Protein backbone atom coordinates (compact mmCIF):
# COMPACT_ATOMS: atom_id res chain seq x y z
CA MET A 1 141.31 144.43 57.09
CA ALA A 2 142.83 141.61 59.40
CA SER A 3 145.13 139.10 57.33
CA ARG A 4 143.67 135.96 56.82
CA ARG A 5 144.61 132.56 58.92
CA GLU A 6 143.92 129.20 57.96
CA LEU A 7 143.89 126.34 60.37
CA ASP A 8 145.85 123.12 59.72
CA LEU A 9 144.09 120.01 58.96
CA ASN A 10 146.85 117.85 60.34
CA THR A 11 147.07 120.15 63.46
CA LEU A 12 143.50 119.51 64.10
CA ARG A 13 143.62 115.90 63.43
CA SER A 14 146.13 115.56 66.36
CA PHE A 15 143.88 117.93 68.35
CA VAL A 16 140.55 116.07 67.88
CA THR A 17 142.90 112.71 68.56
CA ILE A 18 144.29 114.25 71.98
CA ALA A 19 140.41 115.22 73.04
CA GLU A 20 139.10 111.45 72.25
CA VAL A 21 142.01 109.68 74.39
CA GLY A 22 143.11 112.24 76.40
CA SER A 23 146.15 111.76 76.24
CA MET A 24 149.09 113.63 74.30
CA THR A 25 151.01 110.21 74.22
CA ARG A 26 148.28 107.60 73.44
CA ALA A 27 147.45 110.15 70.48
CA ALA A 28 151.21 110.23 69.46
CA ASN A 29 150.69 106.06 69.19
CA ARG A 30 147.53 106.42 67.79
CA LEU A 31 148.51 108.73 64.79
CA HIS A 32 152.03 107.22 64.71
CA MET A 33 153.98 110.27 65.87
CA THR A 34 156.51 111.26 68.46
CA GLN A 35 155.16 112.95 71.56
CA SER A 36 157.25 115.71 70.70
CA ALA A 37 155.73 116.07 67.17
CA VAL A 38 152.32 116.32 68.82
CA SER A 39 153.36 118.51 71.63
CA MET A 40 154.67 121.24 69.34
CA GLN A 41 151.56 120.93 67.07
CA ILE A 42 149.46 121.94 70.07
CA LYS A 43 151.69 124.68 71.14
CA ARG A 44 151.67 125.92 67.54
CA LEU A 45 147.81 126.08 67.66
CA GLU A 46 147.33 127.19 71.11
CA GLU A 47 149.90 130.17 70.61
CA SER A 48 148.19 131.37 67.13
CA LEU A 49 144.53 131.13 68.60
CA GLU A 50 146.34 132.99 71.99
CA MET A 51 144.03 130.49 73.98
CA GLU A 52 144.49 127.15 75.81
CA LEU A 53 142.86 124.48 74.27
CA PHE A 54 143.71 121.60 77.30
CA GLU A 55 143.49 121.12 80.44
CA ARG A 56 146.15 119.07 81.78
CA LYS A 57 145.02 117.06 84.67
CA SER A 58 145.93 113.93 86.56
CA LYS A 59 144.23 111.62 84.97
CA GLY A 60 145.19 113.31 81.42
CA MET A 61 144.27 116.22 79.28
CA ALA A 62 140.70 117.14 79.08
CA PRO A 63 138.95 120.46 76.41
CA THR A 64 138.74 123.74 77.56
CA ALA A 65 135.64 125.51 76.76
CA SER A 66 137.46 127.11 73.96
CA GLY A 67 138.66 123.62 73.48
CA ASP A 68 135.56 122.58 73.04
CA GLN A 69 134.13 124.81 70.85
CA LEU A 70 136.84 124.25 68.12
CA LEU A 71 136.47 120.79 69.09
CA ASN A 72 132.93 120.84 66.83
CA TYR A 73 134.52 122.79 63.93
CA ALA A 74 137.32 120.17 63.32
CA ASN A 75 135.42 117.40 63.41
CA GLN A 76 132.95 119.34 60.77
CA MET A 77 136.46 120.26 58.65
CA LEU A 78 138.23 116.64 59.63
CA SER A 79 135.06 114.95 58.04
CA LEU A 80 134.48 116.96 55.04
CA ASN A 81 137.98 116.72 53.74
CA ASP A 82 137.86 113.00 54.56
CA GLU A 83 134.66 112.48 52.83
CA ALA A 84 136.60 114.78 49.67
CA TRP A 85 139.64 112.63 49.87
CA GLU A 86 137.74 109.27 49.46
CA LYS A 87 135.28 110.55 47.69
CA MET A 88 137.96 111.63 45.08
CA THR A 89 140.36 109.47 45.36
CA ALA A 90 138.92 106.02 46.17
CA PRO A 91 137.83 103.66 42.54
CA GLU A 92 134.14 103.76 41.25
CA TYR A 93 132.63 101.12 43.22
CA GLU A 94 129.53 99.35 42.28
CA GLY A 95 127.19 96.12 42.92
CA GLN A 96 125.34 95.71 46.04
CA VAL A 97 125.92 94.65 49.38
CA SER A 98 123.85 92.53 52.21
CA LEU A 99 123.89 94.24 55.87
CA GLY A 100 121.83 92.51 58.36
CA VAL A 101 121.37 94.37 61.94
CA PRO A 102 119.21 93.49 64.86
CA VAL A 103 116.12 95.41 65.70
CA ASP A 104 117.67 96.87 68.92
CA ILE A 105 120.47 98.89 67.51
CA ILE A 106 119.43 100.38 63.96
CA SER A 107 118.58 103.60 65.73
CA PRO A 108 120.24 105.92 65.89
CA CYS A 109 123.45 104.15 64.16
CA ILE A 110 122.41 102.52 60.76
CA PRO A 111 120.48 105.61 59.47
CA LYS A 112 123.36 107.97 59.91
CA VAL A 113 126.26 105.31 58.50
CA LEU A 114 124.04 104.67 55.17
CA CYS A 115 123.38 108.07 54.43
CA GLU A 116 127.07 108.55 55.17
CA PHE A 117 127.83 105.38 52.62
CA ASN A 118 125.90 106.01 50.01
CA ARG A 119 126.82 109.84 49.12
CA ALA A 120 130.66 108.26 49.14
CA PHE A 121 129.33 105.47 47.00
CA PRO A 122 125.90 106.23 45.02
CA ARG A 123 126.50 103.42 42.87
CA VAL A 124 126.36 100.75 45.50
CA LYS A 125 123.21 99.48 47.08
CA VAL A 126 122.55 98.33 50.70
CA ASN A 127 120.27 95.67 51.05
CA LEU A 128 119.16 95.84 54.87
CA LYS A 129 117.66 93.08 56.89
CA SER A 130 116.53 93.31 60.51
CA SER A 131 116.53 89.99 62.92
CA ARG A 132 117.67 87.93 66.02
CA THR A 133 121.69 88.01 66.23
CA MET A 134 120.77 83.94 66.12
CA ALA A 135 119.17 84.26 62.61
CA LEU A 136 121.93 86.88 61.46
CA LEU A 137 124.42 84.74 62.24
CA ASP A 138 122.90 81.25 60.83
CA GLU A 139 122.23 83.34 57.33
CA PHE A 140 126.16 84.69 57.51
CA GLN A 141 127.18 81.41 57.86
CA GLN A 142 124.86 80.55 54.71
CA GLY A 143 126.51 83.49 52.47
CA LEU A 144 123.12 85.36 52.98
CA HIS A 145 124.92 87.91 54.02
CA ASP A 146 128.12 90.10 53.32
CA ILE A 147 127.86 91.83 56.90
CA VAL A 148 125.71 91.69 59.85
CA LEU A 149 125.99 92.92 63.33
CA THR A 150 125.30 91.60 66.51
CA THR A 151 124.62 91.64 70.22
CA GLU A 152 126.30 88.81 72.15
CA VAL A 153 127.82 88.48 75.57
CA ASN A 154 131.07 86.16 74.32
CA PRO A 155 131.53 87.38 70.46
CA GLY A 156 132.51 84.50 68.20
CA GLN A 157 136.49 83.86 66.93
CA ASN A 158 136.05 86.18 63.99
CA GLY A 159 133.99 89.07 65.45
CA GLU A 160 135.11 92.16 65.45
CA VAL A 161 133.76 94.08 68.89
CA LEU A 162 132.32 97.85 68.29
CA THR A 163 131.06 98.95 71.35
CA THR A 164 130.02 97.04 74.88
CA GLN A 165 126.76 98.63 76.31
CA ARG A 166 125.17 97.57 79.90
CA LEU A 167 121.61 95.54 79.51
CA VAL A 168 119.08 97.49 82.12
CA TRP A 169 115.71 96.93 83.04
CA THR A 170 112.93 98.85 81.36
CA GLY A 171 109.44 99.36 82.30
CA ALA A 172 106.86 101.75 82.64
CA VAL A 173 107.23 105.14 83.55
CA ASN A 174 106.36 105.14 87.58
CA GLY A 175 105.35 101.37 86.91
CA VAL A 176 105.11 98.70 90.23
CA ALA A 177 105.39 95.78 87.53
CA TRP A 178 108.88 95.31 88.27
CA GLN A 179 108.14 94.69 92.23
CA GLN A 180 105.59 92.12 91.39
CA ARG A 181 106.54 88.50 92.17
CA PRO A 182 106.58 86.54 90.31
CA LEU A 183 108.34 88.89 87.82
CA PRO A 184 106.00 89.23 84.85
CA ILE A 185 108.53 89.80 82.08
CA GLY A 186 108.07 90.36 78.15
CA PHE A 187 110.43 89.27 75.78
CA SER A 188 109.36 87.96 72.22
CA ARG A 189 110.06 84.06 72.02
CA SER A 190 113.05 84.45 69.97
CA CYS A 191 115.16 87.47 71.66
CA PHE A 192 118.50 86.85 72.35
CA PHE A 193 118.47 88.83 75.94
CA ARG A 194 115.55 86.38 76.99
CA THR A 195 117.89 83.45 77.98
CA GLN A 196 120.71 86.07 79.87
CA VAL A 197 117.55 87.92 81.69
CA VAL A 198 115.76 84.08 82.77
CA GLU A 199 118.68 82.64 83.93
CA HIS A 200 119.90 85.75 86.49
CA LEU A 201 116.40 85.80 87.72
CA ASN A 202 116.86 81.89 88.51
CA LYS A 203 120.38 82.48 90.57
CA ALA A 204 118.36 85.19 92.27
CA GLY A 205 115.72 83.15 92.98
CA ILE A 206 113.40 84.99 91.67
CA LEU A 207 110.25 83.66 90.29
CA TRP A 208 109.12 84.85 86.66
CA GLN A 209 106.42 84.78 84.36
CA ASP A 210 105.77 85.29 81.04
CA MET A 211 103.95 87.72 79.83
CA ILE A 212 103.44 87.40 76.21
CA GLU A 213 103.77 84.58 73.11
CA THR A 214 104.93 86.38 70.08
CA ASP A 215 107.36 87.08 67.68
CA ASP A 216 106.35 90.13 67.71
CA ASP A 217 108.69 92.68 69.43
CA LEU A 218 105.48 95.55 69.39
CA ALA A 219 103.41 93.39 71.47
CA GLY A 220 106.39 93.42 74.60
CA TYR A 221 106.66 97.12 74.12
CA ALA A 222 102.72 97.57 74.99
CA MET A 223 103.15 95.36 77.39
CA VAL A 224 105.30 96.79 79.09
CA ALA A 225 104.17 100.20 78.53
CA ALA A 226 101.25 99.50 80.05
CA ASP A 227 103.18 98.27 83.43
CA LEU A 228 101.90 94.87 82.64
CA CYS A 229 105.73 93.56 82.70
CA VAL A 230 109.15 94.52 82.36
CA THR A 231 112.02 93.46 80.00
CA ALA A 232 115.20 94.49 78.84
CA GLU A 233 117.52 96.50 76.49
CA LEU A 234 120.54 98.32 75.99
CA GLU A 235 121.54 101.22 78.00
CA ASN A 236 121.91 102.85 74.75
CA SER A 237 118.98 102.74 73.63
CA VAL A 238 117.05 104.10 76.29
CA ASP A 239 116.56 107.68 75.10
CA ARG A 240 115.51 106.81 72.33
CA ILE A 241 112.71 104.15 73.98
CA SER A 242 111.83 107.55 76.20
CA SER A 243 111.36 109.79 72.57
CA LEU A 244 109.37 106.83 70.39
CA SER A 245 107.96 105.77 74.20
CA PRO A 246 107.22 107.75 76.71
CA GLU A 247 105.74 105.39 78.51
CA ARG A 248 109.02 103.25 79.01
CA THR A 249 111.91 104.06 80.53
CA GLU A 250 114.92 102.38 82.58
CA ILE A 251 113.75 101.24 86.25
CA ASP A 252 115.64 102.30 89.12
CA HIS A 253 115.53 99.02 90.91
CA ALA A 254 117.97 100.27 93.31
CA GLY A 255 119.14 96.40 93.04
CA GLU A 256 116.02 94.32 94.02
CA LEU A 257 116.70 92.70 90.28
CA PRO A 258 119.60 91.09 88.94
CA LEU A 259 122.38 93.20 87.36
CA LEU A 260 122.76 91.91 83.87
CA PRO A 261 125.51 90.96 81.86
CA ASP A 262 127.29 93.92 79.40
CA GLN A 263 126.49 93.39 75.67
CA SER A 264 128.81 93.34 73.10
CA VAL A 265 128.05 94.74 69.74
CA VAL A 266 129.56 92.71 67.01
CA MET A 267 130.44 92.62 63.25
CA TYR A 268 131.02 89.70 61.15
CA ARG A 269 131.79 90.75 57.39
CA SER A 270 133.00 88.83 54.52
CA SER A 271 136.67 89.56 53.22
CA ASN A 272 135.94 88.25 49.90
CA ASN A 273 133.96 91.40 49.23
CA ASP A 274 135.37 94.65 48.74
CA LEU A 275 131.63 96.30 49.66
CA SER A 276 131.71 95.33 53.14
CA VAL A 277 135.15 95.54 53.74
CA LYS A 278 134.16 99.38 52.77
CA LEU A 279 131.11 99.64 54.32
CA GLY A 280 132.83 97.91 57.78
CA GLU A 281 134.68 100.49 57.98
CA TYR A 282 131.80 102.93 58.45
CA LEU A 283 130.21 100.88 60.98
CA ALA A 284 132.79 100.36 62.70
CA LYS A 285 133.59 104.22 63.08
CA GLU A 286 130.23 105.07 63.50
CA PHE A 287 129.77 102.72 66.49
CA SER A 288 133.47 103.37 67.98
């Protein structure tokens, strides 16, 4: 019977970090270790497994096929370790925290975050509100929320940028509405993206017209799916759009529509609430 070998979690953390940042130097900086120490860890890991885990390229380091396989296991092991450590050592938090999130970034990240947070802090109640960016910011300033996420081009001074995504044109699959002039657009009245879209259409000299007058996003989605107008949505929402509404997709306009500005997903949280700090850590980890 072969002797059982064990994988060292500290070494796996170094391995995962290198895979994330693509560089042993950057990984060492993030882990607050010397590059030689990280290099020795990876060397010992590769020797013990008798396989190469990284390809050394001019642009950095990338996992080999074997490295990709190990990466899946390593992420699971580290996640379980971190969850167990936090669960066993964290104080017994209880209470409630109010979270505000725009509808266009709820899926797929927020359900996963809420599930993991509830597992770690089962005595904490999270009140979730979905609204528009400007409304959420106003309510946050009034103290109605402990933490809010927004989509913004120019984040506020106290905001923490979690990720940046492209804003793309979406329309009906095989649709032709985007070729019409005036361009028919479909946004709810309070949509944060509408102002930016109109501004860029005006700069490009493209005539446009509103096709809906509503506060309900579903009305706009229906009009877009029917090829009666176009709209704009975050790039990372496109896959979710295709699965939930297969009639809609990103428009391949070949430059006939203006490029739209990148949007930052920004987090604002109250530093006076320990629960919002904890929930913010989960959100930052998931979006990054």
